[in-house]
Amino acid sequence: MKKILFLCDGDNFSAGAFQFIKLMRAEEPLFVKGIFFTPVDFGELIPVTFTPIAQPYVRLKEEEDTLVEKSKEQFADSCKLARIKYHIHEKSEGWDRDFFKKESRFADLVVVGSSLFSSEMLKDHPSFFMQEALRETEAPVVIVPDNFDEVERLAIGYDAKSETIFALKQFTYLFPALTDLPAEFVYVKEEGSDEIPDKELLEEYARVHFNSLAASKLHFDPKKYFNAWLEEKKNVMLISGSYSRSMASNVFRPSFVDQVIREHVSPVFIAHFA
C-alpha cells in the first residue's frame, strides 16, 4: 500500500489526475489523502479595519468555499466508486507552503492535475503556488493532463546529473509495473557530438530495471522543439529529475518541463532531493 496526496484548488477537480490514481489502484491498494485549498488567500485581501469594504471579499470567499466543497464531494464519490481508501483534510483555506511541505514529507507521492500549473496572470509561466509545490515537495510528484487515459511508453529526460538518476530510482520504486513498458532515455543538447555522458553506466543500470530500452541524443533546443518531439509519442510519460531553480529564474526562463506541463502534452514525473 502507498500513501498518495491528491492536490486540488477551488473546483478544479482533475479527472485526469484521478484516472492516474485509479491505474495505480489496479496494481496495489492505496490510501489517498485529499488536500483542497482556495486559490486566493482571503486573509491577505480583506482590510480588517474597513469592514464595509471587506463585504465583497466575504461573498467571494463564500463562493470559493462552495466550490471547494463541491470538489471534495467529487473526490469522495470517486474514491468510493473506485474502492480506494481515502481521507479529506479539514484544512481548505489559501495555499500554505509549509503545510504542504510537511504533508508531502509523510507521503509516497503527490498527484496533481496540470491545469493547476497555469497562472491566470502569466499564461506563459507556472502559477506561484505550483512553483512552490514542485520546489518544496519532499515526495515525488506526478502532474497529469486532464485528458489523460493511460501510459504506454516512457521518456526519461537525462542530463547526466545526480538528480536525474535519483528521479529514475524513485520512479522504479513507485511504479514497478510501468518498467515493463518501452523506455527511451533522451539526452538533449544542441551540439554536433553524439556522445552521451556516462552512457555505459546508464544502460547498465537501466537494463536491471527496464525490459525494453533505448538511448537517444537529440540535437536541438529543448525549449523550442521538445514538446513537438514528445507529442509524436502516443501516451508517453516523461520522467524528469529537477525542479529546484529559484522562482525568479522560472518566471524569466521557463524550462522545457514547464512547457510540457503547461501545454498538457503528457504526464510528468518529477523527483528531487528533499
Protein backbone atom coordinates (compact mmCIF):
# COMPACT_ATOMS: atom_id res chain seq x y z
CA MET A 1 0.00 0.00 0.00
CA LYS A 2 1.13 3.53 -0.79
CA LYS A 3 0.03 6.90 0.58
CA ILE A 4 -0.89 9.44 -2.10
CA LEU A 5 -1.62 13.16 -1.74
CA PHE A 6 -4.24 14.43 -4.17
CA LEU A 7 -3.87 18.21 -4.53
CA CYS A 8 -6.76 20.36 -5.76
CA ASP A 9 -7.66 24.07 -5.76
CA GLY A 10 -11.19 25.50 -5.92
CA ASP A 11 -13.44 23.48 -8.18
CA ASN A 12 -10.57 22.31 -10.42
CA PHE A 13 -11.05 18.63 -9.69
CA SER A 14 -8.81 16.87 -12.21
CA ALA A 15 -10.41 13.81 -13.77
CA GLY A 16 -7.08 13.02 -15.42
CA ALA A 17 -5.18 13.07 -12.14
CA PHE A 18 -7.75 10.79 -10.54
CA GLN A 19 -7.61 8.47 -13.54
CA PHE A 20 -3.89 8.10 -12.89
CA ILE A 21 -4.63 7.20 -9.27
CA LYS A 22 -7.12 4.58 -10.46
CA LEU A 23 -4.42 3.00 -12.65
CA MET A 24 -2.16 2.81 -9.59
CA ARG A 25 -5.00 1.23 -7.61
CA ALA A 26 -5.28 -1.51 -10.24
CA GLU A 27 -1.75 -2.61 -9.25
CA GLU A 28 -1.93 -2.30 -5.45
CA PRO A 29 -4.01 -0.91 -2.55
CA LEU A 30 -3.78 2.84 -1.94
CA PHE A 31 -4.56 5.36 0.75
CA VAL A 32 -5.31 8.73 -0.84
CA LYS A 33 -5.43 11.94 1.17
CA GLY A 34 -7.22 14.85 -0.46
CA ILE A 35 -5.84 18.35 0.16
CA PHE A 36 -8.08 21.15 -1.07
CA PHE A 37 -7.44 24.88 -0.96
CA THR A 38 -8.83 28.12 -2.31
CA PRO A 39 -6.64 29.79 -4.96
CA VAL A 40 -6.91 33.15 -3.16
CA ASP A 41 -5.65 33.93 0.34
CA PHE A 42 -8.58 35.99 1.59
CA GLY A 43 -6.84 36.80 4.85
CA GLU A 44 -4.36 38.85 2.85
CA LEU A 45 -7.08 40.60 0.82
CA ILE A 46 -9.55 41.77 3.47
CA PRO A 47 -8.56 45.01 5.23
CA VAL A 48 -9.52 44.27 8.84
CA THR A 49 -10.13 47.93 9.72
CA PHE A 50 -12.59 48.53 6.86
CA THR A 51 -15.44 46.07 7.35
CA PRO A 52 -17.78 47.58 4.69
CA ILE A 53 -15.03 47.31 2.08
CA ALA A 54 -14.47 43.70 3.08
CA GLN A 55 -18.01 42.58 2.23
CA PRO A 56 -17.30 41.76 -1.47
CA TYR A 57 -14.36 39.63 -0.39
CA VAL A 58 -16.51 37.83 2.15
CA ARG A 59 -19.02 36.93 -0.55
CA LEU A 60 -16.20 35.80 -2.84
CA LYS A 61 -14.79 33.61 -0.08
CA GLU A 62 -18.20 32.03 0.46
CA GLU A 63 -18.39 31.25 -3.27
CA GLU A 64 -14.88 29.76 -3.26
CA ASP A 65 -15.70 27.67 -0.19
CA THR A 66 -18.74 26.29 -2.01
CA LEU A 67 -16.60 25.32 -5.00
CA VAL A 68 -14.06 23.61 -2.73
CA GLU A 69 -16.84 21.61 -1.06
CA LYS A 70 -18.04 20.53 -4.50
CA SER A 71 -14.55 19.23 -5.33
CA LYS A 72 -14.36 17.41 -2.01
CA GLU A 73 -17.66 15.66 -2.73
CA GLN A 74 -16.48 14.67 -6.20
CA PHE A 75 -13.24 13.31 -4.74
CA ALA A 76 -15.08 11.29 -2.08
CA ASP A 77 -17.56 9.87 -4.60
CA SER A 78 -14.73 8.94 -6.99
CA CYS A 79 -12.79 7.16 -4.25
CA LYS A 80 -15.85 5.22 -3.11
CA LEU A 81 -16.64 4.17 -6.67
CA ALA A 82 -13.05 3.01 -7.25
CA ARG A 83 -12.92 1.33 -3.82
CA ILE A 84 -9.97 3.45 -2.72
CA LYS A 85 -9.37 4.18 0.95
CA TYR A 86 -9.33 7.94 1.40
CA HIS A 87 -9.31 10.86 3.81
CA ILE A 88 -10.11 14.54 3.21
CA HIS A 89 -8.04 17.00 5.21
CA GLU A 90 -10.19 19.52 7.07
CA LYS A 91 -7.97 22.45 6.10
CA SER A 92 -9.31 24.16 2.96
CA GLU A 93 -8.01 27.71 3.11
CA GLY A 94 -5.47 29.53 0.92
CA TRP A 95 -2.26 27.97 -0.31
CA ASP A 96 0.11 27.19 2.58
CA ARG A 97 3.64 26.21 1.57
CA ASP A 98 4.76 24.97 4.98
CA PHE A 99 1.61 22.90 5.46
CA PHE A 100 2.05 21.24 2.07
CA LYS A 101 5.75 20.62 2.64
CA LYS A 102 5.09 18.76 5.89
CA GLU A 103 2.24 16.75 4.39
CA SER A 104 4.43 15.71 1.45
CA ARG A 105 7.15 14.59 3.86
CA PHE A 106 4.82 11.84 5.03
CA ALA A 107 3.59 10.71 1.62
CA ASP A 108 4.93 8.40 -1.08
CA LEU A 109 3.64 10.50 -3.97
CA VAL A 110 1.80 13.72 -4.81
CA VAL A 111 -0.64 13.66 -7.74
CA VAL A 112 -1.96 16.90 -9.24
CA GLY A 113 -3.72 17.98 -12.42
CA SER A 114 -1.70 20.04 -14.88
CA SER A 115 -4.46 22.70 -15.05
CA LEU A 116 -3.33 23.87 -11.60
CA PHE A 117 0.03 24.70 -13.16
CA SER A 118 -1.36 27.58 -15.25
CA SER A 119 -1.15 31.11 -13.93
CA GLU A 120 -4.13 33.37 -14.56
CA MET A 121 -1.88 36.43 -14.76
CA LEU A 122 1.08 34.94 -16.62
CA LYS A 123 -0.24 32.40 -19.12
CA ASP A 124 3.25 31.50 -20.29
CA HIS A 125 4.51 30.74 -16.80
CA PRO A 126 3.66 28.35 -13.99
CA SER A 127 1.44 29.62 -11.19
CA PHE A 128 3.05 30.79 -7.98
CA PHE A 129 1.76 28.03 -5.73
CA MET A 130 2.61 25.26 -8.19
CA GLN A 131 6.16 26.57 -8.41
CA GLU A 132 6.33 26.36 -4.64
CA ALA A 133 4.75 22.90 -4.60
CA LEU A 134 7.27 21.49 -7.09
CA ARG A 135 10.22 23.16 -5.40
CA GLU A 136 9.28 22.44 -1.79
CA THR A 137 7.77 18.96 -2.02
CA GLU A 138 9.52 16.22 -0.10
CA ALA A 139 7.81 13.49 -2.12
CA PRO A 140 7.87 12.77 -5.86
CA VAL A 141 5.13 14.46 -7.89
CA VAL A 142 3.13 13.39 -10.93
CA ILE A 143 1.47 16.20 -12.90
CA VAL A 144 -1.31 14.77 -15.07
CA PRO A 145 -3.18 16.35 -18.02
CA ASP A 146 -6.96 16.42 -17.71
CA ASN A 147 -7.27 14.33 -20.89
CA PHE A 148 -5.04 11.55 -19.53
CA ASP A 149 -6.06 7.99 -20.40
CA GLU A 150 -3.14 5.58 -19.92
CA VAL A 151 0.65 5.19 -20.10
CA GLU A 152 2.08 3.11 -22.94
CA ARG A 153 5.70 4.23 -23.05
CA LEU A 154 8.27 6.20 -21.02
CA ALA A 155 10.59 9.07 -21.91
CA ILE A 156 13.36 9.75 -19.37
CA GLY A 157 14.88 13.20 -19.61
CA TYR A 158 18.57 12.50 -18.96
CA ASP A 159 21.02 15.34 -18.27
CA ALA A 160 23.85 13.33 -16.64
CA LYS A 161 23.18 14.93 -13.25
CA SER A 162 22.62 13.09 -9.98
CA GLU A 163 19.01 14.29 -9.62
CA THR A 164 18.09 12.58 -12.90
CA ILE A 165 19.25 9.22 -11.58
CA PHE A 166 17.58 9.92 -8.23
CA ALA A 167 14.27 10.52 -10.04
CA LEU A 168 14.75 7.36 -12.07
CA LYS A 169 15.29 5.32 -8.91
CA GLN A 170 12.21 6.83 -7.27
CA PHE A 171 10.16 6.03 -10.34
CA THR A 172 11.21 2.37 -10.38
CA TYR A 173 10.41 2.04 -6.66
CA LEU A 174 6.97 3.62 -7.03
CA PHE A 175 5.88 2.15 -10.38
CA PRO A 176 7.45 -1.30 -10.87
CA ALA A 177 4.62 -2.30 -13.23
CA LEU A 178 5.45 0.56 -15.61
CA THR A 179 9.05 -0.60 -16.03
CA ASP A 180 7.75 -3.27 -18.41
CA LEU A 181 6.84 -0.53 -20.90
CA PRO A 182 9.19 0.63 -23.69
CA ALA A 183 11.54 3.25 -22.23
CA GLU A 184 13.70 5.81 -24.02
CA PHE A 185 16.47 7.79 -22.35
CA VAL A 186 16.71 11.19 -24.01
CA TYR A 187 19.78 13.43 -23.78
CA VAL A 188 19.13 16.78 -25.44
CA LYS A 189 21.95 19.12 -26.34
CA GLU A 190 22.34 21.41 -29.32
CA GLU A 191 25.80 20.30 -30.49
CA GLY A 192 27.43 18.18 -33.19
CA SER A 193 28.70 15.33 -31.00
CA ASP A 194 26.65 12.16 -30.50
CA GLU A 195 28.28 11.47 -27.12
CA ILE A 196 26.00 10.80 -24.13
CA PRO A 197 27.76 11.24 -20.75
CA ASP A 198 28.15 8.02 -18.74
CA LYS A 199 26.10 6.12 -21.29
CA GLU A 200 27.54 2.71 -20.36
CA LEU A 201 26.71 3.14 -16.68
CA LEU A 202 23.27 4.47 -17.55
CA GLU A 203 22.48 1.49 -19.76
CA GLU A 204 23.91 -0.92 -17.20
CA TYR A 205 21.56 0.44 -14.53
CA ALA A 206 18.59 0.67 -16.88
CA ARG A 207 18.91 -2.92 -18.08
CA VAL A 208 18.40 -4.08 -14.50
CA HIS A 209 15.09 -2.23 -14.18
CA PHE A 210 13.59 -1.90 -17.68
CA ASN A 211 12.69 -4.67 -20.09
CA SER A 212 12.81 -2.56 -23.26
CA LEU A 213 15.03 0.49 -23.52
CA ALA A 214 16.84 2.81 -25.90
CA ALA A 215 19.10 5.83 -25.51
CA SER A 216 18.92 8.80 -27.88
CA LYS A 217 20.64 12.14 -28.25
CA LEU A 218 18.56 14.94 -29.73
CA HIS A 219 20.43 17.86 -31.30
CA PHE A 220 18.07 20.80 -30.76
CA ASP A 221 17.00 23.42 -28.26
CA PRO A 222 14.57 21.55 -25.95
CA LYS A 223 12.64 24.71 -25.12
CA LYS A 224 11.75 25.10 -28.80
CA TYR A 225 11.28 21.55 -30.06
CA PHE A 226 10.97 19.05 -27.20
CA ASN A 227 7.18 19.33 -26.95
CA ALA A 228 6.80 18.52 -30.65
CA TRP A 229 9.09 15.51 -30.27
CA LEU A 230 7.16 14.30 -27.23
CA GLU A 231 3.76 14.74 -28.87
CA GLU A 232 4.78 12.24 -31.54
CA LYS A 233 4.91 9.56 -28.84
CA LYS A 234 1.49 8.13 -28.06
CA ASN A 235 0.51 8.01 -24.36
CA VAL A 236 4.03 8.75 -23.16
CA MET A 237 5.04 9.68 -19.61
CA LEU A 238 8.00 12.00 -19.05
CA ILE A 239 10.39 11.42 -16.13
CA SER A 240 12.34 14.47 -15.01
CA GLY A 241 14.79 14.92 -12.17
CA SER A 242 14.88 18.56 -11.25
CA TYR A 243 12.69 21.48 -10.37
CA SER A 244 14.99 23.27 -7.97
CA ARG A 245 15.68 26.64 -9.58
CA SER A 246 14.59 29.89 -7.97
CA MET A 247 11.17 31.35 -8.70
CA ALA A 248 12.71 34.37 -10.38
CA SER A 249 14.53 32.10 -12.78
CA ASN A 250 11.33 30.21 -13.57
CA VAL A 251 9.46 33.44 -14.31
CA PHE A 252 12.02 34.76 -16.77
CA ARG A 253 13.33 31.48 -18.20
CA PRO A 254 10.64 28.76 -18.14
CA SER A 255 12.12 25.31 -18.67
CA PHE A 256 11.04 22.75 -21.25
CA VAL A 257 9.42 20.79 -18.39
CA ASP A 258 7.27 23.87 -17.64
CA GLN A 259 6.18 23.85 -21.26
CA VAL A 260 5.30 20.15 -21.31
CA ILE A 261 3.13 20.60 -18.21
CA ARG A 262 1.54 23.87 -19.27
CA GLU A 263 0.60 22.59 -22.73
CA HIS A 264 -0.80 19.34 -21.27
CA VAL A 265 1.39 17.21 -23.53
CA SER A 266 1.87 14.23 -21.20
CA PRO A 267 2.05 13.17 -17.55
CA VAL A 268 5.30 14.32 -15.93
CA PHE A 269 7.04 12.60 -13.02
CA ILE A 270 9.34 14.89 -11.01
CA ALA A 271 11.54 13.93 -8.08
CA HIS A 272 14.44 15.76 -6.50
CA PHE A 273 16.43 15.59 -3.30
CA ALA A 274 14.35 16.81 -0.35
